[in-house]
C-alpha atoms as a PDB file:
ATOM      1  CA  MET A   1      90.942 105.834 128.660  1.00  0.00           C
ATOM      2  CA  THR A   2      88.727 107.316 125.986  1.00  0.00           C
ATOM      3  CA  ARG A   3      89.249 106.686 122.144  1.00  0.00           C
ATOM      4  CA  ILE A   4      87.609 107.140 118.972  1.00  0.00           C
ATOM      5  CA  VAL A   5      87.619 104.698 116.065  1.00  0.00           C
ATOM      6  CA  LEU A   6      87.240 106.370 112.327  1.00  0.00           C
ATOM      7  CA  HIS A   7      86.707 104.552 108.808  1.00  0.00           C
ATOM      8  CA  SER A   8      87.983 106.059 105.692  1.00  0.00           C
ATOM      9  CA  PRO A   9      86.763 104.696 102.339  1.00  0.00           C
ATOM     10  CA  SER A  10      89.048 107.070 100.382  1.00  0.00           C
ATOM     11  CA  GLU A  11      92.171 109.087  99.955  1.00  0.00           C
ATOM     12  CA  GLU A  12      89.536 112.165  99.810  1.00  0.00           C
ATOM     13  CA  CYS A  13      88.324 111.357 103.144  1.00  0.00           C
ATOM     14  CA  THR A  14      91.477 110.568 104.721  1.00  0.00           C
ATOM     15  CA  SER A  15      92.679 113.697 103.453  1.00  0.00           C
ATOM     16  CA  ALA A  16      89.544 115.542 105.084  1.00  0.00           C
ATOM     17  CA  ILE A  17      90.453 113.826 108.470  1.00  0.00           C
ATOM     18  CA  GLY A  18      94.053 115.112 108.222  1.00  0.00           C
ATOM     19  CA  ARG A  19      93.077 118.847 107.467  1.00  0.00           C
ATOM     20  CA  GLY A  20      90.476 118.485 110.378  1.00  0.00           C
ATOM     21  CA  ILE A  21      93.160 117.482 112.563  1.00  0.00           C
ATOM     22  CA  ALA A  22      95.161 120.408 111.546  1.00  0.00           C
ATOM     23  CA  GLU A  23      92.398 122.754 112.315  1.00  0.00           C
ATOM     24  CA  LEU A  24      92.371 121.118 116.266  1.00  0.00           C
ATOM     25  CA  LEU A  25      96.171 121.542 116.520  1.00  0.00           C
ATOM     26  CA  GLU A  26      97.522 123.903 118.993  1.00  0.00           C
ATOM     27  CA  PRO A  27     100.923 124.967 119.850  1.00  0.00           C
ATOM     28  CA  GLY A  28     102.852 121.963 121.693  1.00  0.00           C
ATOM     29  CA  ASP A  29     100.593 119.181 120.403  1.00  0.00           C
ATOM     30  CA  VAL A  30     102.508 115.922 119.554  1.00  0.00           C
ATOM     31  CA  LEU A  31     100.660 113.359 117.006  1.00  0.00           C
ATOM     32  CA  ALA A  32     101.981 110.024 117.101  1.00  0.00           C
ATOM     33  CA  LEU A  33     101.281 108.337 113.952  1.00  0.00           C
ATOM     34  CA  ARG A  34     101.505 104.342 114.070  1.00  0.00           C
ATOM     35  CA  GLY A  35     101.111 101.755 111.353  1.00  0.00           C
ATOM     36  CA  GLU A  36     102.931  99.378 108.987  1.00  0.00           C
ATOM     37  CA  LEU A  37     104.595 100.407 106.105  1.00  0.00           C
ATOM     38  CA  GLY A  38     102.432 101.793 103.388  1.00  0.00           C
ATOM     39  CA  ALA A  39      99.532 102.370 106.010  1.00  0.00           C
ATOM     40  CA  GLY A  40      99.419 106.178 105.140  1.00  0.00           C
ATOM     41  CA  LYS A  41     101.346 107.807 107.752  1.00  0.00           C
ATOM     42  CA  THR A  42     102.926 110.348 105.551  1.00  0.00           C
ATOM     43  CA  PHE A  43      99.835 110.877 103.386  1.00  0.00           C
ATOM     44  CA  LEU A  44      98.248 112.044 106.494  1.00  0.00           C
ATOM     45  CA  ALA A  45     100.829 114.066 107.779  1.00  0.00           C
ATOM     46  CA  ARG A  46     100.826 115.988 104.081  1.00  0.00           C
ATOM     47  CA  ALA A  47      97.082 116.523 104.645  1.00  0.00           C
ATOM     48  CA  ILE A  48      97.567 117.864 108.053  1.00  0.00           C
ATOM     49  CA  ALA A  49     100.415 120.210 106.772  1.00  0.00           C
ATOM     50  CA  HIS A  50      98.373 121.820 104.058  1.00  0.00           C
ATOM     51  CA  GLY A  51      95.210 121.720 106.790  1.00  0.00           C
ATOM     52  CA  LEU A  52      97.616 124.208 108.588  1.00  0.00           C
ATOM     53  CA  GLY A  53      98.290 126.215 105.454  1.00  0.00           C
ATOM     54  CA  VAL A  54     101.462 124.895 104.012  1.00  0.00           C
ATOM     55  CA  PRO A  55     101.210 125.626 100.383  1.00  0.00           C
ATOM     56  CA  VAL A  56     100.359 122.511  98.165  1.00  0.00           C
ATOM     57  CA  SER A  57     103.279 123.646  96.037  1.00  0.00           C
ATOM     58  CA  VAL A  58     105.655 122.723  99.067  1.00  0.00           C
ATOM     59  CA  PRO A  59     106.417 118.923  98.664  1.00  0.00           C
ATOM     60  CA  ILE A  60     105.750 117.352 101.564  1.00  0.00           C
ATOM     61  CA  THR A  61     107.729 114.148 101.889  1.00  0.00           C
ATOM     62  CA  SER A  62     108.769 111.376 104.377  1.00  0.00           C
ATOM     63  CA  PRO A  63     111.898 112.510 106.162  1.00  0.00           C
ATOM     64  CA  THR A  64     113.191 109.180 106.446  1.00  0.00           C
ATOM     65  CA  PHE A  65     116.683 110.013 105.613  1.00  0.00           C
ATOM     66  CA  THR A  66     116.948 113.540 107.071  1.00  0.00           C
ATOM     67  CA  PHE A  67     114.320 112.476 110.175  1.00  0.00           C
ATOM     68  CA  ILE A  68     112.877 115.910 110.506  1.00  0.00           C
ATOM     69  CA  ASN A  69     111.151 118.120 108.227  1.00  0.00           C
ATOM     70  CA  GLU A  70     109.695 121.758 109.115  1.00  0.00           C
ATOM     71  CA  TYR A  71     106.842 123.514 107.405  1.00  0.00           C
ATOM     72  CA  GLU A  72     105.577 126.915 108.157  1.00  0.00           C
ATOM     73  CA  GLY A  73     101.779 127.329 108.485  1.00  0.00           C
ATOM     74  CA  ARG A  74      99.072 128.503 110.908  1.00  0.00           C
ATOM     75  CA  LEU A  75     101.658 126.789 113.186  1.00  0.00           C
ATOM     76  CA  PRO A  76     104.884 125.507 112.627  1.00  0.00           C
ATOM     77  CA  LEU A  77     104.811 121.774 111.906  1.00  0.00           C
ATOM     78  CA  ALA A  78     107.753 119.497 112.480  1.00  0.00           C
ATOM     79  CA  HIS A  79     107.602 116.146 110.704  1.00  0.00           C
ATOM     80  CA  ILE A  80     109.791 113.608 112.098  1.00  0.00           C
ATOM     81  CA  ASP A  81     110.152 110.053 111.037  1.00  0.00           C
ATOM     82  CA  LEU A  82     112.051 107.653 112.817  1.00  0.00           C
ATOM     83  CA  TYR A  83     111.818 104.731 110.728  1.00  0.00           C
ATOM     84  CA  ARG A  84     115.630 104.636 110.442  1.00  0.00           C
ATOM     85  CA  LEU A  85     116.377 104.667 114.367  1.00  0.00           C
ATOM     86  CA  SER A  86     116.942 101.528 116.183  1.00  0.00           C
ATOM     87  CA  GLY A  87     116.104 103.039 119.486  1.00  0.00           C
ATOM     88  CA  PRO A  88     115.986 105.936 121.760  1.00  0.00           C
ATOM     89  CA  ASP A  89     119.742 106.107 121.824  1.00  0.00           C
ATOM     90  CA  ASP A  90     119.869 107.248 118.229  1.00  0.00           C
ATOM     91  CA  LEU A  91     117.948 110.879 119.278  1.00  0.00           C
ATOM     92  CA  ASP A  92     121.104 111.634 120.856  1.00  0.00           C
ATOM     93  CA  THR A  93     122.433 112.618 117.219  1.00  0.00           C
ATOM     94  CA  LEU A  94     119.104 114.836 116.292  1.00  0.00           C
ATOM     95  CA  PRO A  95     117.496 118.153 117.300  1.00  0.00           C
ATOM     96  CA  TRP A  96     114.418 116.492 118.271  1.00  0.00           C
ATOM     97  CA  GLN A  97     113.624 118.085 121.596  1.00  0.00           C
ATOM     98  CA  ASP A  98     113.558 121.432 119.451  1.00  0.00           C
ATOM     99  CA  ALA A  99     111.055 119.828 117.134  1.00  0.00           C
ATOM    100  CA  VAL A 100     108.602 118.272 119.762  1.00  0.00           C
ATOM    101  CA  TYR A 101     108.900 120.813 122.089  1.00  0.00           C
ATOM    102  CA  GLY A 102     109.268 123.799 120.055  1.00  0.00           C
ATOM    103  CA  PRO A 103     106.578 126.799 119.453  1.00  0.00           C
ATOM    104  CA  GLY A 104     104.277 124.596 116.833  1.00  0.00           C
ATOM    105  CA  ALA A 105     103.024 120.997 116.564  1.00  0.00           C
ATOM    106  CA  ALA A 106     104.904 117.849 115.924  1.00  0.00           C
ATOM    107  CA  VAL A 107     103.795 114.815 113.771  1.00  0.00           C
ATOM    108  CA  ILE A 108     105.930 111.568 114.168  1.00  0.00           C
ATOM    109  CA  GLU A 109     106.042 108.434 112.182  1.00  0.00           C
ATOM    110  CA  TRP A 110     107.317 105.466 114.038  1.00  0.00           C
ATOM    111  CA  PRO A 111     107.064 107.115 117.595  1.00  0.00           C
ATOM    112  CA  GLU A 112     107.471 103.628 119.162  1.00  0.00           C
ATOM    113  CA  ARG A 113     111.609 104.165 118.332  1.00  0.00           C
ATOM    114  CA  MET A 114     111.272 107.028 120.883  1.00  0.00           C
ATOM    115  CA  GLY A 115     110.653 104.592 123.723  1.00  0.00           C
ATOM    116  CA  ALA A 116     109.943 106.686 126.945  1.00  0.00           C
ATOM    117  CA  LEU A 117     111.339 109.716 125.318  1.00  0.00           C
ATOM    118  CA  LEU A 118     107.753 109.939 123.705  1.00  0.00           C
ATOM    119  CA  PRO A 119     106.179 112.836 125.578  1.00  0.00           C
ATOM    120  CA  GLU A 120     103.547 111.491 127.823  1.00  0.00           C
ATOM    121  CA  GLU A 121     101.015 114.548 126.546  1.00  0.00           C
ATOM    122  CA  HIS A 122     100.283 113.311 122.845  1.00  0.00           C
ATOM    123  CA  TRP A 123      97.904 112.336 120.641  1.00  0.00           C
ATOM    124  CA  ASP A 124      98.111 108.415 119.317  1.00  0.00           C
ATOM    125  CA  LEU A 125      96.956 107.841 115.868  1.00  0.00           C
ATOM    126  CA  GLY A 126      96.911 104.146 114.713  1.00  0.00           C
ATOM    127  CA  ILE A 127      96.488 103.641 111.133  1.00  0.00           C
ATOM    128  CA  GLU A 128      95.436 100.444 109.881  1.00  0.00           C
ATOM    129  CA  ILE A 129      94.800  99.211 106.150  1.00  0.00           C
ATOM    130  CA  ALA A 130      91.305  97.762 105.586  1.00  0.00           C
ATOM    131  CA  GLY A 131      91.754  97.891 101.607  1.00  0.00           C
ATOM    132  CA  ASP A 132      93.400  99.646  98.744  1.00  0.00           C
ATOM    133  CA  GLU A 133      92.638 103.274 100.047  1.00  0.00           C
ATOM    134  CA  ILE A 134      90.486 102.045 102.865  1.00  0.00           C
ATOM    135  CA  ARG A 135      91.848 102.675 106.430  1.00  0.00           C
ATOM    136  CA  THR A 136      90.692 102.635 109.936  1.00  0.00           C
ATOM    137  CA  PHE A 137      92.051 105.211 112.281  1.00  0.00           C
ATOM    138  CA  ILE A 138      92.242 104.984 115.913  1.00  0.00           C
ATOM    139  CA  LEU A 139      92.535 108.017 118.092  1.00  0.00           C
ATOM    140  CA  THR A 140      93.655 107.885 121.684  1.00  0.00           C
ATOM    141  CA  PRO A 141      94.719 111.214 123.838  1.00  0.00           C
ATOM    142  CA  PHE A 142      97.326 110.597 126.271  1.00  0.00           C
ATOM    143  CA  GLY A 143      97.789 113.200 128.970  1.00  0.00           C
ATOM    144  CA  ALA A 144      95.375 115.051 131.263  1.00  0.00           C
ATOM    145  CA  GLY A 145      95.312 118.251 128.944  1.00  0.00           C
ATOM    146  CA  ASN A 146      94.453 115.996 125.721  1.00  0.00           C
ATOM    147  CA  ASP A 147      92.004 113.896 127.524  1.00  0.00           C
ATOM    148  CA  ALA A 148      90.357 117.164 128.434  1.00  0.00           C
ATOM    149  CA  ARG A 149      90.381 118.252 124.665  1.00  0.00           C
ATOM    150  CA  SER A 150      89.324 114.881 123.351  1.00  0.00           C
ATOM    151  CA  PRO A 151      85.599 115.771 123.128  1.00  0.00           C
ATOM    152  CA  GLY A 152      86.196 118.669 120.836  1.00  0.00           C
ATOM    153  CA  TRP A 153      88.548 116.393 118.679  1.00  0.00           C
ATOM    154  CA  PHE A 154      85.886 113.616 118.832  1.00  0.00           C
ATOM    155  CA  ALA A 155      83.228 115.947 117.779  1.00  0.00           C
ATOM    156  CA  LYS A 156      84.942 117.264 115.005  1.00  0.00           C
ATOM    157  CA  LEU A 157      86.325 114.163 113.818  1.00  0.00           C
ATOM    158  CA  LEU A 158      83.121 112.342 113.697  1.00  0.00           C
ATOM    159  CA  GLU A 159      81.318 115.196 111.758  1.00  0.00           C
ATOM    160  CA  ILE A 160      84.151 114.671 108.951  1.00  0.00           C
ATOM    161  CA  ALA A 161      83.678 110.799 109.121  1.00  0.00           C
ATOM    162  CA  GLN A 162      80.311 111.164 108.457  1.00  0.00           C
ATOM    163  CA  SER A 163      80.135 113.880 106.103  1.00  0.00           C
ATOM    164  CA  GLY A 164      79.483 113.238 102.206  1.00  0.00           C
ATOM    165  CA  THR A 165      83.552 113.284 101.612  1.00  0.00           C
ATOM    166  CA  CYS A 166      83.603 110.099 103.795  1.00  0.00           C
ATOM    167  CA  ARG A 167      80.603 108.159 102.525  1.00  0.00           C
END
């Protein structure tokens, strides 16, 4: 399995990585964000939303209590936060399938709470805290379609990580 590891020394770089991911997203893409509290999952989701053209005036906040926020940009974006769920059975009361399998892209915080319901075809993005603003990102494609697209994703994100914004 292929994967790429990126290092971000600042929020500015993390934002650039998020905007780069937004450029790569296609309808049906699912991005599973993993990381401890405070790792920057919502910060990255905000950068992705802005990269998709959601106006900066629109507040992009964690949908911890509403579970799903939807935004309109180049692609519709479903931002899903499953922190408060104890497991996949709790999903029965949410319209998660519409968000995950809809016409846009989905960013899921705490995807492990979905268990086997997480689509096989997804991008897994682990975020590790390495300092106050310093983050390490580990991006792994899952599914044949994403595996085939991964060279393009990796090239674009490496270009961003090696740019002046991220040095």
